All heavy atoms as atom14 arrays in JSON, in Angstrom:
{
  "sequence": "FTIRAVTRRVEALRDGTIEALAAEDDTRARQMVSEGLSGIHDLLGV",
  "atom14_mask": [
    [1, 1, 1, 1, 1, 1, 1, 1, 1, 1, 1, 0, 0, 0],
    [1, 1, 1, 1, 1, 1, 1, 0, 0, 0, 0, 0, 0, 0],
    [1, 1, 1, 1, 1, 1, 1, 1, 0, 0, 0, 0, 0, 0],
    [1, 1, 1, 1, 1, 1, 1, 1, 1, 1, 1, 0, 0, 0],
    [1, 1, 1, 1, 1, 0, 0, 0, 0, 0, 0, 0, 0, 0],
    [1, 1, 1, 1, 1, 1, 1, 0, 0, 0, 0, 0, 0, 0],
    [1, 1, 1, 1, 1, 1, 1, 0, 0, 0, 0, 0, 0, 0],
    [1, 1, 1, 1, 1, 1, 1, 1, 1, 1, 1, 0, 0, 0],
    [1, 1, 1, 1, 1, 1, 1, 1, 1, 1, 1, 0, 0, 0],
    [1, 1, 1, 1, 1, 1, 1, 0, 0, 0, 0, 0, 0, 0],
    [1, 1, 1, 1, 1, 1, 1, 1, 1, 0, 0, 0, 0, 0],
    [1, 1, 1, 1, 1, 0, 0, 0, 0, 0, 0, 0, 0, 0],
    [1, 1, 1, 1, 1, 1, 1, 1, 0, 0, 0, 0, 0, 0],
    [1, 1, 1, 1, 1, 1, 1, 1, 1, 1, 1, 0, 0, 0],
    [1, 1, 1, 1, 1, 1, 1, 1, 0, 0, 0, 0, 0, 0],
    [1, 1, 1, 1, 0, 0, 0, 0, 0, 0, 0, 0, 0, 0],
    [1, 1, 1, 1, 1, 1, 1, 0, 0, 0, 0, 0, 0, 0],
    [1, 1, 1, 1, 1, 1, 1, 1, 0, 0, 0, 0, 0, 0],
    [1, 1, 1, 1, 1, 1, 1, 1, 1, 0, 0, 0, 0, 0],
    [1, 1, 1, 1, 1, 0, 0, 0, 0, 0, 0, 0, 0, 0],
    [1, 1, 1, 1, 1, 1, 1, 1, 0, 0, 0, 0, 0, 0],
    [1, 1, 1, 1, 1, 0, 0, 0, 0, 0, 0, 0, 0, 0],
    [1, 1, 1, 1, 1, 0, 0, 0, 0, 0, 0, 0, 0, 0],
    [1, 1, 1, 1, 1, 1, 1, 1, 1, 0, 0, 0, 0, 0],
    [1, 1, 1, 1, 1, 1, 1, 1, 0, 0, 0, 0, 0, 0],
    [1, 1, 1, 1, 1, 1, 1, 1, 0, 0, 0, 0, 0, 0],
    [1, 1, 1, 1, 1, 1, 1, 0, 0, 0, 0, 0, 0, 0],
    [1, 1, 1, 1, 1, 1, 1, 1, 1, 1, 1, 0, 0, 0],
    [1, 1, 1, 1, 1, 0, 0, 0, 0, 0, 0, 0, 0, 0],
    [1, 1, 1, 1, 1, 1, 1, 1, 1, 1, 1, 0, 0, 0],
    [1, 1, 1, 1, 1, 1, 1, 1, 1, 0, 0, 0, 0, 0],
    [1, 1, 1, 1, 1, 1, 1, 1, 0, 0, 0, 0, 0, 0],
    [1, 1, 1, 1, 1, 1, 1, 0, 0, 0, 0, 0, 0, 0],
    [1, 1, 1, 1, 1, 1, 0, 0, 0, 0, 0, 0, 0, 0],
    [1, 1, 1, 1, 1, 1, 1, 1, 1, 0, 0, 0, 0, 0],
    [1, 1, 1, 1, 0, 0, 0, 0, 0, 0, 0, 0, 0, 0],
    [1, 1, 1, 1, 1, 1, 1, 1, 0, 0, 0, 0, 0, 0],
    [1, 1, 1, 1, 1, 1, 0, 0, 0, 0, 0, 0, 0, 0],
    [1, 1, 1, 1, 0, 0, 0, 0, 0, 0, 0, 0, 0, 0],
    [1, 1, 1, 1, 1, 1, 1, 1, 0, 0, 0, 0, 0, 0],
    [1, 1, 1, 1, 1, 1, 1, 1, 1, 1, 0, 0, 0, 0],
    [1, 1, 1, 1, 1, 1, 1, 1, 0, 0, 0, 0, 0, 0],
    [1, 1, 1, 1, 1, 1, 1, 1, 0, 0, 0, 0, 0, 0],
    [1, 1, 1, 1, 1, 1, 1, 1, 0, 0, 0, 0, 0, 0],
    [1, 1, 1, 1, 0, 0, 0, 0, 0, 0, 0, 0, 0, 0],
    [1, 1, 1, 1, 1, 1, 1, 0, 0, 0, 0, 0, 0, 0]
  ],
  "atom14_positions": [
    [[90.42, 88.43, 79.84], [90.04, 89.59, 80.63], [91.13, 89.99, 81.62], [91.47, 91.13, 81.74], [88.72, 89.26, 81.37], [88.44, 90.38, 82.44], [87.7, 91.45, 81.98], [88.75, 90.26, 83.75], [87.4, 92.51, 82.88], [88.46, 91.27, 84.58], [87.83, 92.34, 84.19], [0.0, 0.0, 0.0], [0.0, 0.0, 0.0], [0.0, 0.0, 0.0]],
    [[91.77, 89.03, 82.25], [92.79, 89.26, 83.24], [94.04, 89.87, 82.52], [94.63, 90.84, 83.01], [93.22, 87.99, 83.98], [92.02, 87.43, 84.61], [94.27, 88.27, 84.99], [0.0, 0.0, 0.0], [0.0, 0.0, 0.0], [0.0, 0.0, 0.0], [0.0, 0.0, 0.0], [0.0, 0.0, 0.0], [0.0, 0.0, 0.0], [0.0, 0.0, 0.0]],
    [[94.35, 89.38, 81.32], [95.49, 89.89, 80.59], [95.21, 91.38, 80.16], [96.12, 92.24, 80.31], [95.79, 89.01, 79.37], [96.22, 87.67, 79.79], [96.81, 89.7, 78.4], [97.41, 87.57, 80.74], [0.0, 0.0, 0.0], [0.0, 0.0, 0.0], [0.0, 0.0, 0.0], [0.0, 0.0, 0.0], [0.0, 0.0, 0.0], [0.0, 0.0, 0.0]],
    [[93.99, 91.68, 79.75], [93.66, 92.99, 79.41], [93.82, 93.99, 80.62], [94.31, 95.06, 80.52], [92.27, 93.18, 78.85], [92.14, 92.74, 77.39], [90.78, 93.14, 76.73], [89.59, 92.62, 77.52], [89.09, 91.41, 77.32], [89.58, 90.58, 76.42], [87.99, 91.09, 78.01], [0.0, 0.0, 0.0], [0.0, 0.0, 0.0], [0.0, 0.0, 0.0]],
    [[93.41, 93.5, 81.8], [93.44, 94.21, 83.04], [94.93, 94.47, 83.38], [95.31, 95.58, 83.74], [92.69, 93.56, 84.15], [0.0, 0.0, 0.0], [0.0, 0.0, 0.0], [0.0, 0.0, 0.0], [0.0, 0.0, 0.0], [0.0, 0.0, 0.0], [0.0, 0.0, 0.0], [0.0, 0.0, 0.0], [0.0, 0.0, 0.0], [0.0, 0.0, 0.0]],
    [[95.77, 93.45, 83.26], [97.22, 93.65, 83.54], [97.79, 94.63, 82.57], [98.48, 95.57, 83.02], [97.97, 92.27, 83.4], [99.47, 92.47, 83.41], [97.57, 91.3, 84.53], [0.0, 0.0, 0.0], [0.0, 0.0, 0.0], [0.0, 0.0, 0.0], [0.0, 0.0, 0.0], [0.0, 0.0, 0.0], [0.0, 0.0, 0.0], [0.0, 0.0, 0.0]],
    [[97.54, 94.53, 81.35], [98.01, 95.38, 80.31], [97.61, 96.82, 80.6], [98.5, 97.76, 80.55], [97.63, 94.97, 78.89], [98.09, 93.61, 78.64], [98.17, 95.9, 77.81], [0.0, 0.0, 0.0], [0.0, 0.0, 0.0], [0.0, 0.0, 0.0], [0.0, 0.0, 0.0], [0.0, 0.0, 0.0], [0.0, 0.0, 0.0], [0.0, 0.0, 0.0]],
    [[96.42, 97.07, 80.84], [95.93, 98.47, 81.14], [96.61, 99.06, 82.39], [97.06, 100.18, 82.39], [94.45, 98.49, 81.34], [93.68, 98.3, 80.1], [92.21, 98.24, 80.33], [91.5, 98.11, 79.02], [90.49, 97.2, 78.93], [90.07, 96.49, 79.95], [89.85, 97.07, 77.73], [0.0, 0.0, 0.0], [0.0, 0.0, 0.0], [0.0, 0.0, 0.0]],
    [[96.82, 98.2, 83.38], [97.43, 98.68, 84.61], [98.95, 98.98, 84.35], [99.46, 99.97, 84.87], [97.31, 97.69, 85.76], [95.91, 97.72, 86.33], [95.81, 96.79, 87.51], [94.49, 96.94, 88.17], [94.35, 96.74, 89.42], [95.3, 96.44, 90.23], [93.15, 96.89, 89.89], [0.0, 0.0, 0.0], [0.0, 0.0, 0.0], [0.0, 0.0, 0.0]],
    [[99.56, 98.09, 83.61], [101.0, 98.3, 83.25], [101.18, 99.66, 82.55], [102.05, 100.43, 82.87], [101.58, 97.08, 82.52], [102.89, 97.53, 81.8], [101.84, 95.92, 83.4], [0.0, 0.0, 0.0], [0.0, 0.0, 0.0], [0.0, 0.0, 0.0], [0.0, 0.0, 0.0], [0.0, 0.0, 0.0], [0.0, 0.0, 0.0], [0.0, 0.0, 0.0]],
    [[100.34, 99.82, 81.5], [100.43, 101.07, 80.76], [100.12, 102.34, 81.54], [100.8, 103.32, 81.46], [99.49, 100.98, 79.53], [99.94, 99.94, 78.5], [98.99, 99.77, 77.36], [97.78, 99.84, 77.57], [99.51, 99.54, 76.26], [0.0, 0.0, 0.0], [0.0, 0.0, 0.0], [0.0, 0.0, 0.0], [0.0, 0.0, 0.0], [0.0, 0.0, 0.0]],
    [[99.08, 102.28, 82.43], [98.79, 103.41, 83.21], [99.85, 103.64, 84.29], [100.23, 104.82, 84.52], [97.41, 103.15, 83.98], [0.0, 0.0, 0.0], [0.0, 0.0, 0.0], [0.0, 0.0, 0.0], [0.0, 0.0, 0.0], [0.0, 0.0, 0.0], [0.0, 0.0, 0.0], [0.0, 0.0, 0.0], [0.0, 0.0, 0.0], [0.0, 0.0, 0.0]],
    [[100.42, 102.62, 84.9], [101.47, 102.79, 85.86], [102.72, 103.32, 85.15], [103.42, 104.19, 85.7], [101.76, 101.5, 86.55], [102.81, 101.52, 87.64], [102.46, 102.51, 88.73], [102.98, 100.11, 88.22], [0.0, 0.0, 0.0], [0.0, 0.0, 0.0], [0.0, 0.0, 0.0], [0.0, 0.0, 0.0], [0.0, 0.0, 0.0], [0.0, 0.0, 0.0]],
    [[103.07, 102.84, 84.0], [104.23, 103.26, 83.25], [104.03, 104.76, 82.99], [104.93, 105.51, 83.24], [104.27, 102.54, 81.96], [105.33, 103.04, 80.94], [105.12, 102.53, 79.55], [103.88, 102.98, 79.02], [103.31, 102.51, 77.93], [103.81, 101.52, 77.25], [102.14, 103.0, 77.43], [0.0, 0.0, 0.0], [0.0, 0.0, 0.0], [0.0, 0.0, 0.0]],
    [[102.9, 105.17, 82.39], [102.74, 106.53, 82.05], [102.76, 107.48, 83.26], [103.42, 108.57, 83.28], [101.42, 106.73, 81.24], [101.51, 105.98, 79.92], [102.55, 105.57, 79.54], [100.41, 105.79, 79.35], [0.0, 0.0, 0.0], [0.0, 0.0, 0.0], [0.0, 0.0, 0.0], [0.0, 0.0, 0.0], [0.0, 0.0, 0.0], [0.0, 0.0, 0.0]],
    [[102.09, 107.08, 84.3], [102.0, 107.84, 85.59], [103.42, 107.99, 86.21], [103.82, 109.15, 86.7], [0.0, 0.0, 0.0], [0.0, 0.0, 0.0], [0.0, 0.0, 0.0], [0.0, 0.0, 0.0], [0.0, 0.0, 0.0], [0.0, 0.0, 0.0], [0.0, 0.0, 0.0], [0.0, 0.0, 0.0], [0.0, 0.0, 0.0], [0.0, 0.0, 0.0]],
    [[104.17, 106.94, 86.25], [105.5, 106.98, 86.88], [106.44, 107.78, 86.03], [107.22, 108.58, 86.65], [106.02, 105.51, 87.01], [105.05, 104.75, 87.74], [107.34, 105.5, 87.78], [0.0, 0.0, 0.0], [0.0, 0.0, 0.0], [0.0, 0.0, 0.0], [0.0, 0.0, 0.0], [0.0, 0.0, 0.0], [0.0, 0.0, 0.0], [0.0, 0.0, 0.0]],
    [[106.42, 107.65, 84.74], [107.29, 108.51, 83.91], [106.89, 109.98, 84.06], [107.84, 110.82, 84.12], [107.2, 108.03, 82.41], [107.91, 106.67, 82.32], [107.81, 109.05, 81.46], [107.75, 106.01, 80.95], [0.0, 0.0, 0.0], [0.0, 0.0, 0.0], [0.0, 0.0, 0.0], [0.0, 0.0, 0.0], [0.0, 0.0, 0.0], [0.0, 0.0, 0.0]],
    [[105.71, 110.27, 84.19], [105.22, 111.68, 84.37], [105.69, 112.17, 85.71], [106.26, 113.29, 85.81], [103.77, 111.72, 84.32], [103.13, 113.1, 84.46], [101.62, 113.13, 84.46], [101.06, 112.71, 83.35], [101.01, 113.41, 85.46], [0.0, 0.0, 0.0], [0.0, 0.0, 0.0], [0.0, 0.0, 0.0], [0.0, 0.0, 0.0], [0.0, 0.0, 0.0]],
    [[105.64, 111.34, 86.77], [106.09, 111.79, 88.14], [107.62, 111.96, 88.1], [108.1, 112.96, 88.71], [105.71, 110.73, 89.14], [0.0, 0.0, 0.0], [0.0, 0.0, 0.0], [0.0, 0.0, 0.0], [0.0, 0.0, 0.0], [0.0, 0.0, 0.0], [0.0, 0.0, 0.0], [0.0, 0.0, 0.0], [0.0, 0.0, 0.0], [0.0, 0.0, 0.0]],
    [[108.34, 111.12, 87.43], [109.77, 111.25, 87.37], [110.2, 112.53, 86.52], [111.14, 113.23, 86.88], [110.47, 110.03, 86.75], [110.4, 108.81, 87.64], [110.83, 107.53, 86.84], [111.25, 109.05, 88.89], [0.0, 0.0, 0.0], [0.0, 0.0, 0.0], [0.0, 0.0, 0.0], [0.0, 0.0, 0.0], [0.0, 0.0, 0.0], [0.0, 0.0, 0.0]],
    [[109.46, 112.77, 85.49], [109.66, 113.99, 84.68], [109.47, 115.25, 85.48], [110.15, 116.28, 85.28], [108.8, 113.95, 83.44], [0.0, 0.0, 0.0], [0.0, 0.0, 0.0], [0.0, 0.0, 0.0], [0.0, 0.0, 0.0], [0.0, 0.0, 0.0], [0.0, 0.0, 0.0], [0.0, 0.0, 0.0], [0.0, 0.0, 0.0], [0.0, 0.0, 0.0]],
    [[108.53, 115.17, 86.43], [108.27, 116.29, 87.34], [109.16, 116.29, 88.53], [109.05, 117.06, 89.46], [106.82, 116.27, 87.81], [0.0, 0.0, 0.0], [0.0, 0.0, 0.0], [0.0, 0.0, 0.0], [0.0, 0.0, 0.0], [0.0, 0.0, 0.0], [0.0, 0.0, 0.0], [0.0, 0.0, 0.0], [0.0, 0.0, 0.0], [0.0, 0.0, 0.0]],
    [[110.15, 115.41, 88.53], [111.13, 115.23, 89.63], [110.45, 114.96, 90.88], [110.93, 115.33, 92.01], [112.02, 116.44, 89.72], [112.86, 116.65, 88.39], [113.83, 117.76, 88.42], [114.09, 118.33, 89.52], [114.39, 118.12, 87.34], [0.0, 0.0, 0.0], [0.0, 0.0, 0.0], [0.0, 0.0, 0.0], [0.0, 0.0, 0.0], [0.0, 0.0, 0.0]],
    [[109.39, 114.19, 90.88], [108.64, 113.83, 92.11], [108.97, 112.33, 92.39], [108.19, 111.47, 92.17], [107.16, 114.04, 91.99], [106.45, 113.92, 93.26], [106.98, 113.31, 94.19], [105.33, 114.36, 93.37], [0.0, 0.0, 0.0], [0.0, 0.0, 0.0], [0.0, 0.0, 0.0], [0.0, 0.0, 0.0], [0.0, 0.0, 0.0], [0.0, 0.0, 0.0]],
    [[110.22, 112.03, 92.83], [110.63, 110.68, 93.08], [109.83, 110.0, 94.1], [109.53, 108.78, 93.93], [112.12, 110.65, 93.51], [113.13, 111.14, 92.43], [112.58, 111.37, 91.29], [114.25, 111.23, 92.67], [0.0, 0.0, 0.0], [0.0, 0.0, 0.0], [0.0, 0.0, 0.0], [0.0, 0.0, 0.0], [0.0, 0.0, 0.0], [0.0, 0.0, 0.0]],
    [[109.36, 110.66, 95.15], [108.58, 110.08, 96.17], [107.27, 109.57, 95.59], [106.83, 108.43, 95.83], [108.34, 111.02, 97.28], [109.55, 111.57, 97.81], [107.49, 110.44, 98.42], [0.0, 0.0, 0.0], [0.0, 0.0, 0.0], [0.0, 0.0, 0.0], [0.0, 0.0, 0.0], [0.0, 0.0, 0.0], [0.0, 0.0, 0.0], [0.0, 0.0, 0.0]],
    [[106.61, 110.36, 94.84], [105.31, 109.97, 94.2], [105.6, 108.8, 93.22], [104.76, 107.83, 93.2], [104.7, 111.13, 93.43], [103.39, 110.81, 92.81], [102.64, 112.03, 92.28], [101.9, 111.68, 91.15], [102.13, 112.15, 89.9], [103.07, 113.08, 89.71], [101.42, 111.76, 88.88], [0.0, 0.0, 0.0], [0.0, 0.0, 0.0], [0.0, 0.0, 0.0]],
    [[106.63, 108.84, 92.45], [106.93, 107.76, 91.55], [107.16, 106.4, 92.29], [106.59, 105.43, 91.89], [108.18, 108.11, 90.7], [0.0, 0.0, 0.0], [0.0, 0.0, 0.0], [0.0, 0.0, 0.0], [0.0, 0.0, 0.0], [0.0, 0.0, 0.0], [0.0, 0.0, 0.0], [0.0, 0.0, 0.0], [0.0, 0.0, 0.0], [0.0, 0.0, 0.0]],
    [[107.87, 106.44, 93.38], [108.1, 105.25, 94.16], [106.83, 104.7, 94.75], [106.56, 103.48, 94.79], [109.13, 105.51, 95.26], [110.58, 105.66, 94.8], [111.55, 105.89, 95.96], [112.78, 106.32, 95.42], [113.67, 105.67, 94.81], [113.39, 104.36, 94.53], [114.75, 106.14, 94.37], [0.0, 0.0, 0.0], [0.0, 0.0, 0.0], [0.0, 0.0, 0.0]],
    [[105.97, 105.61, 95.24], [104.73, 105.22, 95.83], [103.87, 104.61, 94.75], [103.19, 103.56, 94.97], [104.02, 106.39, 96.51], [102.75, 105.96, 97.19], [102.09, 107.2, 97.85], [102.52, 108.32, 97.76], [100.99, 106.89, 98.56], [0.0, 0.0, 0.0], [0.0, 0.0, 0.0], [0.0, 0.0, 0.0], [0.0, 0.0, 0.0], [0.0, 0.0, 0.0]],
    [[103.78, 105.25, 93.6], [102.99, 104.64, 92.51], [103.44, 103.25, 92.07], [102.58, 102.4, 91.97], [103.04, 105.62, 91.28], [102.34, 106.92, 91.45], [102.63, 108.02, 90.0], [101.71, 107.17, 88.77], [0.0, 0.0, 0.0], [0.0, 0.0, 0.0], [0.0, 0.0, 0.0], [0.0, 0.0, 0.0], [0.0, 0.0, 0.0], [0.0, 0.0, 0.0]],
    [[104.7, 103.14, 91.96], [105.22, 101.83, 91.56], [104.89, 100.79, 92.65], [104.47, 99.65, 92.3], [106.74, 101.91, 91.22], [107.34, 100.49, 91.2], [106.94, 102.7, 89.99], [0.0, 0.0, 0.0], [0.0, 0.0, 0.0], [0.0, 0.0, 0.0], [0.0, 0.0, 0.0], [0.0, 0.0, 0.0], [0.0, 0.0, 0.0], [0.0, 0.0, 0.0]],
    [[105.17, 101.09, 93.84], [104.91, 100.14, 94.98], [103.49, 99.71, 95.06], [103.16, 98.53, 95.09], [105.34, 100.81, 96.3], [105.02, 99.93, 97.36], [0.0, 0.0, 0.0], [0.0, 0.0, 0.0], [0.0, 0.0, 0.0], [0.0, 0.0, 0.0], [0.0, 0.0, 0.0], [0.0, 0.0, 0.0], [0.0, 0.0, 0.0], [0.0, 0.0, 0.0]],
    [[102.59, 100.69, 94.98], [101.12, 100.4, 95.04], [100.63, 99.72, 93.8], [99.88, 98.76, 93.82], [100.38, 101.62, 95.37], [100.66, 102.17, 96.78], [99.97, 103.52, 97.01], [99.26, 104.01, 96.14], [100.18, 104.1, 98.09], [0.0, 0.0, 0.0], [0.0, 0.0, 0.0], [0.0, 0.0, 0.0], [0.0, 0.0, 0.0], [0.0, 0.0, 0.0]],
    [[101.11, 100.21, 92.67], [100.55, 99.72, 91.4], [101.04, 98.27, 91.1], [100.32, 97.43, 90.62], [0.0, 0.0, 0.0], [0.0, 0.0, 0.0], [0.0, 0.0, 0.0], [0.0, 0.0, 0.0], [0.0, 0.0, 0.0], [0.0, 0.0, 0.0], [0.0, 0.0, 0.0], [0.0, 0.0, 0.0], [0.0, 0.0, 0.0], [0.0, 0.0, 0.0]],
    [[102.29, 97.97, 91.41], [102.83, 96.67, 91.14], [102.24, 95.58, 92.02], [102.09, 94.47, 91.6], [104.36, 96.66, 91.27], [105.12, 97.3, 90.19], [106.65, 97.24, 90.42], [104.8, 96.69, 88.78], [0.0, 0.0, 0.0], [0.0, 0.0, 0.0], [0.0, 0.0, 0.0], [0.0, 0.0, 0.0], [0.0, 0.0, 0.0], [0.0, 0.0, 0.0]],
    [[101.81, 95.92, 93.23], [101.1, 95.01, 94.06], [99.9, 94.4, 93.35], [99.7, 93.17, 93.25], [100.71, 95.63, 95.4], [99.97, 94.78, 96.13], [0.0, 0.0, 0.0], [0.0, 0.0, 0.0], [0.0, 0.0, 0.0], [0.0, 0.0, 0.0], [0.0, 0.0, 0.0], [0.0, 0.0, 0.0], [0.0, 0.0, 0.0], [0.0, 0.0, 0.0]],
    [[99.07, 95.24, 92.82], [97.89, 94.81, 92.12], [98.17, 94.07, 90.85], [97.48, 93.1, 90.49], [0.0, 0.0, 0.0], [0.0, 0.0, 0.0], [0.0, 0.0, 0.0], [0.0, 0.0, 0.0], [0.0, 0.0, 0.0], [0.0, 0.0, 0.0], [0.0, 0.0, 0.0], [0.0, 0.0, 0.0], [0.0, 0.0, 0.0], [0.0, 0.0, 0.0]],
    [[99.31, 94.53, 90.11], [99.67, 93.8, 88.88], [100.14, 92.43, 89.22], [99.79, 91.44, 88.56], [100.75, 94.62, 88.15], [100.07, 95.91, 87.61], [101.34, 93.82, 87.07], [101.05, 96.92, 87.05], [0.0, 0.0, 0.0], [0.0, 0.0, 0.0], [0.0, 0.0, 0.0], [0.0, 0.0, 0.0], [0.0, 0.0, 0.0], [0.0, 0.0, 0.0]],
    [[100.95, 92.28, 90.27], [101.48, 90.99, 90.64], [100.24, 90.1, 91.04], [100.26, 88.87, 90.73], [102.44, 91.05, 91.81], [103.77, 91.56, 91.48], [104.56, 90.84, 90.62], [104.41, 92.69, 91.84], [105.73, 91.56, 90.48], [105.63, 92.62, 91.23], [0.0, 0.0, 0.0], [0.0, 0.0, 0.0], [0.0, 0.0, 0.0], [0.0, 0.0, 0.0]],
    [[99.23, 90.62, 91.72], [98.03, 89.81, 92.02], [97.39, 89.36, 90.79], [96.99, 88.13, 90.71], [97.07, 90.65, 92.89], [97.54, 90.83, 94.36], [98.48, 90.16, 94.78], [96.98, 91.72, 95.04], [0.0, 0.0, 0.0], [0.0, 0.0, 0.0], [0.0, 0.0, 0.0], [0.0, 0.0, 0.0], [0.0, 0.0, 0.0], [0.0, 0.0, 0.0]],
    [[97.2, 90.23, 89.79], [96.63, 89.83, 88.55], [97.39, 88.73, 87.81], [96.81, 87.92, 87.19], [96.3, 91.01, 87.69], [95.19, 91.95, 88.18], [95.14, 93.3, 87.35], [93.82, 91.25, 88.0], [0.0, 0.0, 0.0], [0.0, 0.0, 0.0], [0.0, 0.0, 0.0], [0.0, 0.0, 0.0], [0.0, 0.0, 0.0], [0.0, 0.0, 0.0]],
    [[98.67, 88.9, 87.79], [99.55, 87.95, 87.14], [99.38, 86.57, 87.86], [99.4, 85.47, 87.2], [101.03, 88.4, 87.14], [101.34, 89.46, 86.2], [102.72, 90.0, 86.38], [101.18, 89.01, 84.72], [0.0, 0.0, 0.0], [0.0, 0.0, 0.0], [0.0, 0.0, 0.0], [0.0, 0.0, 0.0], [0.0, 0.0, 0.0], [0.0, 0.0, 0.0]],
    [[99.18, 86.62, 89.18], [98.93, 85.36, 89.87], [97.6, 84.74, 89.52], [97.44, 83.5, 89.34], [0.0, 0.0, 0.0], [0.0, 0.0, 0.0], [0.0, 0.0, 0.0], [0.0, 0.0, 0.0], [0.0, 0.0, 0.0], [0.0, 0.0, 0.0], [0.0, 0.0, 0.0], [0.0, 0.0, 0.0], [0.0, 0.0, 0.0], [0.0, 0.0, 0.0]],
    [[96.68, 85.61, 89.2], [95.31, 85.05, 88.79], [95.47, 84.49, 87.35], [94.96, 83.38, 87.11], [94.27, 86.22, 88.74], [92.99, 85.82, 88.0], [93.9, 86.66, 90.19], [0.0, 0.0, 0.0], [0.0, 0.0, 0.0], [0.0, 0.0, 0.0], [0.0, 0.0, 0.0], [0.0, 0.0, 0.0], [0.0, 0.0, 0.0], [0.0, 0.0, 0.0]]
  ]
}
């Protein structure tokens, strides 16, 4: 279950960040990565 949650979050964060970068919204991309990776790191700890 935890691995599925990590995978889904990685894929969603990847897609969202790439989309933000394509729109040249670096600020949004950085914020997404910062916030998203925190939860992913927590799940990897679990």
